[in-house]
């Protein structure tokens, strides 16, 4: 019997239930029209997200995820 024939697909990263906030607090202007960004870790990846719905790419480097978030708030 082939043990791989019953394998199921893993859920996408955006629906993974376990996310740990990093040490970086949300940044950027707050308010109804402002963007507030934060970073979260999912396994060995770090993702940047904004209150407007924007999400940055998964990065292995926390610093790059923070830079993605900073670029989003300045553009």
PDB file of N, CA and C in Angstrom:
ATOM      1  N   UNK A   1       0.843  -1.180   0.000  1.00  0.00           N
ATOM      2  CA  UNK A   1       0.000   0.000   0.000  1.00  0.00           C
ATOM      3  C   UNK A   1       0.889   1.244   0.000  1.00  0.00           C
ATOM      4  N   UNK A   2       0.588   2.177  -0.846  1.00  0.00           N
ATOM      5  CA  UNK A   2       1.350   3.424  -0.954  1.00  0.00           C
ATOM      6  C   UNK A   2       0.836   4.414   0.091  1.00  0.00           C
ATOM      7  N   UNK A   3       1.683   4.788   1.043  1.00  0.00           N
ATOM      8  CA  UNK A   3       1.249   5.685   2.125  1.00  0.00           C
ATOM      9  C   UNK A   3       1.005   7.111   1.649  1.00  0.00           C
ATOM     10  N   UNK A   4       1.516   7.477   0.471  1.00  0.00           N
ATOM     11  CA  UNK A   4       1.337   8.841  -0.026  1.00  0.00           C
ATOM     12  C   UNK A   4       0.018   9.046  -0.755  1.00  0.00           C
ATOM     13  N   UNK A   5      -0.689   8.011  -1.046  1.00  0.00           N
ATOM     14  CA  UNK A   5      -1.928   8.163  -1.807  1.00  0.00           C
ATOM     15  C   UNK A   5      -3.044   8.788  -0.978  1.00  0.00           C
ATOM     16  N   UNK A   6      -2.937   8.761   0.331  1.00  0.00           N
ATOM     17  CA  UNK A   6      -3.977   9.325   1.190  1.00  0.00           C
ATOM     18  C   UNK A   6      -3.569  10.661   1.797  1.00  0.00           C
ATOM     19  N   UNK A   7      -2.551  11.276   1.249  1.00  0.00           N
ATOM     20  CA  UNK A   7      -2.084  12.562   1.781  1.00  0.00           C
ATOM     21  C   UNK A   7      -3.082  13.654   1.441  1.00  0.00           C
ATOM     22  N   UNK A   8      -3.237  14.594   2.341  1.00  0.00           N
ATOM     23  CA  UNK A   8      -4.123  15.729   2.089  1.00  0.00           C
ATOM     24  C   UNK A   8      -3.289  16.990   1.894  1.00  0.00           C
ATOM     25  N   UNK A   9      -3.867  17.960   1.230  1.00  0.00           N
ATOM     26  CA  UNK A   9      -3.181  19.222   0.983  1.00  0.00           C
ATOM     27  C   UNK A   9      -3.116  20.049   2.261  1.00  0.00           C
ATOM     28  N   UNK A  10      -2.046  20.764   2.434  1.00  0.00           N
ATOM     29  CA  UNK A  10      -1.900  21.667   3.573  1.00  0.00           C
ATOM     30  C   UNK A  10      -2.682  22.944   3.297  1.00  0.00           C
ATOM     31  N   UNK A  11      -3.269  23.557   4.337  1.00  0.00           N
ATOM     32  CA  UNK A  11      -4.007  24.803   4.112  1.00  0.00           C
ATOM     33  C   UNK A  11      -3.061  25.928   3.735  1.00  0.00           C
ATOM     34  N   UNK A  12      -3.534  26.936   2.996  1.00  0.00           N
ATOM     35  CA  UNK A  12      -2.689  28.080   2.652  1.00  0.00           C
ATOM     36  C   UNK A  12      -2.243  28.821   3.914  1.00  0.00           C
ATOM     37  N   UNK A  13      -1.163  29.587   3.812  1.00  0.00           N
ATOM     38  CA  UNK A  13      -0.624  30.303   4.970  1.00  0.00           C
ATOM     39  C   UNK A  13      -1.613  31.295   5.571  1.00  0.00           C
ATOM     40  N   UNK A  14      -2.489  31.874   4.749  1.00  0.00           N
ATOM     41  CA  UNK A  14      -3.386  32.895   5.288  1.00  0.00           C
ATOM     42  C   UNK A  14      -4.501  32.314   6.149  1.00  0.00           C
ATOM     43  N   UNK A  15      -4.688  31.003   6.178  1.00  0.00           N
ATOM     44  CA  UNK A  15      -5.699  30.412   7.039  1.00  0.00           C
ATOM     45  C   UNK A  15      -5.081  29.572   8.147  1.00  0.00           C
ATOM     46  N   UNK A  16      -3.773  29.595   8.280  1.00  0.00           N
ATOM     47  CA  UNK A  16      -3.122  28.841   9.342  1.00  0.00           C
ATOM     48  C   UNK A  16      -3.546  29.412  10.691  1.00  0.00           C
ATOM     49  N   UNK A  17      -3.985  28.565  11.626  1.00  0.00           N
ATOM     50  CA  UNK A  17      -4.535  29.077  12.883  1.00  0.00           C
ATOM     51  C   UNK A  17      -3.497  29.586  13.866  1.00  0.00           C
ATOM     52  N   UNK A  18      -2.244  29.195  13.717  1.00  0.00           N
ATOM     53  CA  UNK A  18      -1.240  29.567  14.706  1.00  0.00           C
ATOM     54  C   UNK A  18      -0.325  30.656  14.174  1.00  0.00           C
ATOM     55  N   UNK A  19      -0.512  31.841  14.639  1.00  0.00           N
ATOM     56  CA  UNK A  19       0.412  32.912  14.286  1.00  0.00           C
ATOM     57  C   UNK A  19       0.871  33.578  15.573  1.00  0.00           C
ATOM     58  N   UNK A  20       2.149  33.820  15.655  1.00  0.00           N
ATOM     59  CA  UNK A  20       2.726  34.476  16.816  1.00  0.00           C
ATOM     60  C   UNK A  20       3.126  35.881  16.433  1.00  0.00           C
ATOM     61  N   UNK A  21       2.650  36.884  17.147  1.00  0.00           N
ATOM     62  CA  UNK A  21       3.130  38.229  16.857  1.00  0.00           C
ATOM     63  C   UNK A  21       4.604  38.337  17.212  1.00  0.00           C
ATOM     64  N   UNK A  22       5.329  39.090  16.436  1.00  0.00           N
ATOM     65  CA  UNK A  22       6.739  39.292  16.732  1.00  0.00           C
ATOM     66  C   UNK A  22       6.889  40.402  17.748  1.00  0.00           C
ATOM     67  N   UNK A  23       8.129  40.733  18.052  1.00  0.00           N
ATOM     68  CA  UNK A  23       8.374  41.766  19.045  1.00  0.00           C
ATOM     69  C   UNK A  23       8.068  43.165  18.533  1.00  0.00           C
ATOM     70  N   UNK A  24       7.800  43.296  17.240  1.00  0.00           N
ATOM     71  CA  UNK A  24       7.563  44.620  16.659  1.00  0.00           C
ATOM     72  C   UNK A  24       6.097  45.014  16.820  1.00  0.00           C
ATOM     73  N   UNK A  25       5.817  46.107  17.506  1.00  0.00           N
ATOM     74  CA  UNK A  25       4.436  46.569  17.637  1.00  0.00           C
ATOM     75  C   UNK A  25       3.959  47.188  16.322  1.00  0.00           C
ATOM     76  N   UNK A  26       2.642  47.324  16.158  1.00  0.00           N
ATOM     77  CA  UNK A  26       2.129  47.967  14.945  1.00  0.00           C
ATOM     78  C   UNK A  26       2.692  49.363  14.781  1.00  0.00           C
ATOM     79  N   UNK A  27       2.916  49.756  13.509  1.00  0.00           N
ATOM     80  CA  UNK A  27       3.456  51.081  13.234  1.00  0.00           C
ATOM     81  C   UNK A  27       2.573  51.790  12.231  1.00  0.00           C
ATOM     82  N   UNK A  28       2.858  53.053  12.026  1.00  0.00           N
ATOM     83  CA  UNK A  28       2.128  53.827  11.037  1.00  0.00           C
ATOM     84  C   UNK A  28       1.025  54.636  11.686  1.00  0.00           C
ATOM     85  N   UNK A  29       0.419  55.517  10.916  1.00  0.00           N
ATOM     86  CA  UNK A  29      -0.657  56.337  11.451  1.00  0.00           C
ATOM     87  C   UNK A  29      -1.882  55.488  11.756  1.00  0.00           C
ATOM     88  N   UNK A  30      -2.597  55.873  12.785  1.00  0.00           N
ATOM     89  CA  UNK A  30      -3.811  55.147  13.131  1.00  0.00           C
ATOM     90  C   UNK A  30      -5.022  56.003  12.806  1.00  0.00           C
ATOM     91  N   UNK A  31      -6.163  55.382  12.790  1.00  0.00           N
ATOM     92  CA  UNK A  31      -7.383  56.089  12.461  1.00  0.00           C
ATOM     93  C   UNK A  31      -8.094  55.401  11.318  1.00  0.00           C
ATOM     94  N   UNK A  32      -9.286  55.888  10.952  1.00  0.00           N
ATOM     95  CA  UNK A  32     -10.073  55.201   9.929  1.00  0.00           C
ATOM     96  C   UNK A  32      -9.426  55.195   8.552  1.00  0.00           C
ATOM     97  N   UNK A  33      -8.613  56.198   8.222  1.00  0.00           N
ATOM     98  CA  UNK A  33      -7.988  56.236   6.901  1.00  0.00           C
ATOM     99  C   UNK A  33      -6.516  55.853   6.940  1.00  0.00           C
ATOM    100  N   UNK A  34      -5.940  55.686   8.123  1.00  0.00           N
ATOM    101  CA  UNK A  34      -4.523  55.366   8.250  1.00  0.00           C
ATOM    102  C   UNK A  34      -4.251  53.888   8.084  1.00  0.00           C
ATOM    103  N   UNK A  35      -3.002  53.584   7.858  1.00  0.00           N
ATOM    104  CA  UNK A  35      -2.565  52.200   7.724  1.00  0.00           C
ATOM    105  C   UNK A  35      -1.776  51.832   8.971  1.00  0.00           C
ATOM    106  N   UNK A  36      -2.117  50.723   9.594  1.00  0.00           N
ATOM    107  CA  UNK A  36      -1.384  50.215  10.741  1.00  0.00           C
ATOM    108  C   UNK A  36      -0.846  48.847  10.363  1.00  0.00           C
ATOM    109  N   UNK A  37       0.474  48.725  10.336  1.00  0.00           N
ATOM    110  CA  UNK A  37       1.096  47.472   9.921  1.00  0.00           C
ATOM    111  C   UNK A  37       1.630  46.716  11.128  1.00  0.00           C
ATOM    112  N   UNK A  38       1.750  45.411  10.961  1.00  0.00           N
ATOM    113  CA  UNK A  38       2.349  44.559  11.976  1.00  0.00           C
ATOM    114  C   UNK A  38       2.980  43.369  11.269  1.00  0.00           C
ATOM    115  N   UNK A  39       3.784  42.624  11.998  1.00  0.00           N
ATOM    116  CA  UNK A  39       4.387  41.419  11.448  1.00  0.00           C
ATOM    117  C   UNK A  39       3.978  40.238  12.311  1.00  0.00           C
ATOM    118  N   UNK A  40       3.877  39.072  11.696  1.00  0.00           N
ATOM    119  CA  UNK A  40       3.528  37.846  12.404  1.00  0.00           C
ATOM    120  C   UNK A  40       4.390  36.719  11.870  1.00  0.00           C
ATOM    121  N   UNK A  41       4.692  35.782  12.730  1.00  0.00           N
ATOM    122  CA  UNK A  41       5.488  34.632  12.327  1.00  0.00           C
ATOM    123  C   UNK A  41       4.589  33.439  12.099  1.00  0.00           C
ATOM    124  N   UNK A  42       4.854  32.735  11.017  1.00  0.00           N
ATOM    125  CA  UNK A  42       4.164  31.482  10.711  1.00  0.00           C
ATOM    126  C   UNK A  42       5.249  30.460  10.402  1.00  0.00           C
ATOM    127  N   UNK A  43       5.548  29.642  11.372  1.00  0.00           N
ATOM    128  CA  UNK A  43       6.633  28.686  11.199  1.00  0.00           C
ATOM    129  C   UNK A  43       7.956  29.430  11.084  1.00  0.00           C
ATOM    130  N   UNK A  44       8.699  29.159  10.018  1.00  0.00           N
ATOM    131  CA  UNK A  44       9.987  29.840   9.838  1.00  0.00           C
ATOM    132  C   UNK A  44       9.855  31.081   8.968  1.00  0.00           C
ATOM    133  N   UNK A  45       8.631  31.509   8.686  1.00  0.00           N
ATOM    134  CA  UNK A  45       8.407  32.675   7.844  1.00  0.00           C
ATOM    135  C   UNK A  45       7.819  33.822   8.652  1.00  0.00           C
ATOM    136  N   UNK A  46       8.090  35.034   8.197  1.00  0.00           N
ATOM    137  CA  UNK A  46       7.556  36.244   8.807  1.00  0.00           C
ATOM    138  C   UNK A  46       6.744  36.975   7.742  1.00  0.00           C
ATOM    139  N   UNK A  47       5.543  37.409   8.095  1.00  0.00           N
ATOM    140  CA  UNK A  47       4.672  38.095   7.152  1.00  0.00           C
ATOM    141  C   UNK A  47       4.305  39.464   7.687  1.00  0.00           C
ATOM    142  N   UNK A  48       4.230  40.435   6.807  1.00  0.00           N
ATOM    143  CA  UNK A  48       3.773  41.774   7.172  1.00  0.00           C
ATOM    144  C   UNK A  48       2.324  41.903   6.729  1.00  0.00           C
ATOM    145  N   UNK A  49       1.512  42.571   7.544  1.00  0.00           N
ATOM    146  CA  UNK A  49       0.100  42.765   7.218  1.00  0.00           C
ATOM    147  C   UNK A  49      -0.319  44.166   7.646  1.00  0.00           C
ATOM    148  N   UNK A  50      -1.382  44.660   7.020  1.00  0.00           N
ATOM    149  CA  UNK A  50      -1.884  46.007   7.307  1.00  0.00           C
ATOM    150  C   UNK A  50      -3.380  45.931   7.593  1.00  0.00           C
ATOM    151  N   UNK A  51      -3.887  46.930   8.307  1.00  0.00           N
ATOM    152  CA  UNK A  51      -5.311  46.977   8.616  1.00  0.00           C
ATOM    153  C   UNK A  51      -6.165  47.209   7.377  1.00  0.00           C
ATOM    154  N   UNK A  52      -5.566  47.675   6.289  1.00  0.00           N
ATOM    155  CA  UNK A  52      -6.324  47.901   5.054  1.00  0.00           C
ATOM    156  C   UNK A  52      -6.541  46.611   4.271  1.00  0.00           C
ATOM    157  N   UNK A  53      -5.914  45.501   4.709  1.00  0.00           N
ATOM    158  CA  UNK A  53      -6.050  44.230   4.019  1.00  0.00           C
ATOM    159  C   UNK A  53      -4.813  43.808   3.241  1.00  0.00           C
ATOM    160  N   UNK A  54      -3.854  44.700   3.105  1.00  0.00           N
ATOM    161  CA  UNK A  54      -2.619  44.379   2.389  1.00  0.00           C
ATOM    162  C   UNK A  54      -1.829  43.353   3.178  1.00  0.00           C
ATOM    163  N   UNK A  55      -1.208  42.423   2.461  1.00  0.00           N
ATOM    164  CA  UNK A  55      -0.307  41.448   3.074  1.00  0.00           C
ATOM    165  C   UNK A  55       0.940  41.362   2.235  1.00  0.00           C
ATOM    166  N   UNK A  56       2.076  41.384   2.887  1.00  0.00           N
ATOM    167  CA  UNK A  56       3.347  41.254   2.192  1.00  0.00           C
ATOM    168  C   UNK A  56       3.680  39.791   1.947  1.00  0.00           C
ATOM    169  N   UNK A  57       4.708  39.550   1.171  1.00  0.00           N
ATOM    170  CA  UNK A  57       5.109  38.165   0.916  1.00  0.00           C
ATOM    171  C   UNK A  57       5.730  37.534   2.163  1.00  0.00           C
ATOM    172  N   UNK A  58       5.669  36.219   2.246  1.00  0.00           N
ATOM    173  CA  UNK A  58       6.295  35.505   3.355  1.00  0.00           C
ATOM    174  C   UNK A  58       7.812  35.603   3.195  1.00  0.00           C
ATOM    175  N   UNK A  59       8.462  36.006   4.250  1.00  0.00           N
ATOM    176  CA  UNK A  59       9.920  36.180   4.222  1.00  0.00           C
ATOM    177  C   UNK A  59      10.548  35.356   5.326  1.00  0.00           C
ATOM    178  N   UNK A  60      11.738  34.859   5.077  1.00  0.00           N
ATOM    179  CA  UNK A  60      12.480  34.191   6.146  1.00  0.00           C
ATOM    180  C   UNK A  60      13.187  35.222   7.017  1.00  0.00           C
ATOM    181  N   UNK A  61      13.376  36.419   6.503  1.00  0.00           N
ATOM    182  CA  UNK A  61      14.048  37.488   7.231  1.00  0.00           C
ATOM    183  C   UNK A  61      13.012  38.426   7.842  1.00  0.00           C
ATOM    184  N   UNK A  62      13.048  38.579   9.158  1.00  0.00           N
ATOM    185  CA  UNK A  62      12.135  39.523   9.817  1.00  0.00           C
ATOM    186  C   UNK A  62      12.396  40.944   9.339  1.00  0.00           C
ATOM    187  N   UNK A  63      13.662  41.262   9.131  1.00  0.00           N
ATOM    188  CA  UNK A  63      14.023  42.606   8.694  1.00  0.00           C
ATOM    189  C   UNK A  63      13.394  42.938   7.342  1.00  0.00           C
ATOM    190  N   UNK A  64      13.410  41.991   6.414  1.00  0.00           N
ATOM    191  CA  UNK A  64      12.789  42.243   5.102  1.00  0.00           C
ATOM    192  C   UNK A  64      11.278  42.405   5.229  1.00  0.00           C
ATOM    193  N   UNK A  65      10.651  41.627   6.104  1.00  0.00           N
ATOM    194  CA  UNK A  65       9.206  41.775   6.310  1.00  0.00           C
ATOM    195  C   UNK A  65       8.895  43.154   6.894  1.00  0.00           C
ATOM    196  N   UNK A  66       9.731  43.635   7.815  1.00  0.00           N
ATOM    197  CA  UNK A  66       9.535  44.978   8.377  1.00  0.00           C
ATOM    198  C   UNK A  66       9.716  46.052   7.310  1.00  0.00           C
ATOM    199  N   UNK A  67      10.705  45.857   6.429  1.00  0.00           N
ATOM    200  CA  UNK A  67      10.913  46.827   5.354  1.00  0.00           C
ATOM    201  C   UNK A  67       9.739  46.834   4.379  1.00  0.00           C
ATOM    202  N   UNK A  68       9.160  45.664   4.099  1.00  0.00           N
ATOM    203  CA  UNK A  68       7.953  45.606   3.268  1.00  0.00           C
ATOM    204  C   UNK A  68       6.833  46.420   3.890  1.00  0.00           C
ATOM    205  N   UNK A  69       6.645  46.268   5.200  1.00  0.00           N
ATOM    206  CA  UNK A  69       5.603  47.013   5.905  1.00  0.00           C
ATOM    207  C   UNK A  69       5.870  48.516   5.871  1.00  0.00           C
ATOM    208  N   UNK A  70       7.132  48.904   6.075  1.00  0.00           N
ATOM    209  CA  UNK A  70       7.472  50.331   6.030  1.00  0.00           C
ATOM    210  C   UNK A  70       7.237  50.918   4.648  1.00  0.00           C
ATOM    211  N   UNK A  71       7.600  50.172   3.603  1.00  0.00           N
ATOM    212  CA  UNK A  71       7.360  50.654   2.234  1.00  0.00           C
ATOM    213  C   UNK A  71       5.871  50.797   1.969  1.00  0.00           C
ATOM    214  N   UNK A  72       5.060  49.893   2.518  1.00  0.00           N
ATOM    215  CA  UNK A  72       3.617  49.987   2.302  1.00  0.00           C
ATOM    216  C   UNK A  72       3.033  51.241   2.948  1.00  0.00           C
ATOM    217  N   UNK A  73       3.499  51.581   4.139  1.00  0.00           N
ATOM    218  CA  UNK A  73       2.937  52.754   4.822  1.00  0.00           C
ATOM    219  C   UNK A  73       3.420  54.066   4.221  1.00  0.00           C
ATOM    220  N   UNK A  74       4.540  54.044   3.509  1.00  0.00           N
ATOM    221  CA  UNK A  74       5.046  55.298   2.923  1.00  0.00           C
ATOM    222  C   UNK A  74       4.574  55.522   1.493  1.00  0.00           C
ATOM    223  N   UNK A  75       3.962  54.521   0.877  1.00  0.00           N
ATOM    224  CA  UNK A  75       3.484  54.700  -0.505  1.00  0.00           C
ATOM    225  C   UNK A  75       2.002  54.865  -0.568  1.00  0.00           C
TER     226      UNK A  75
END
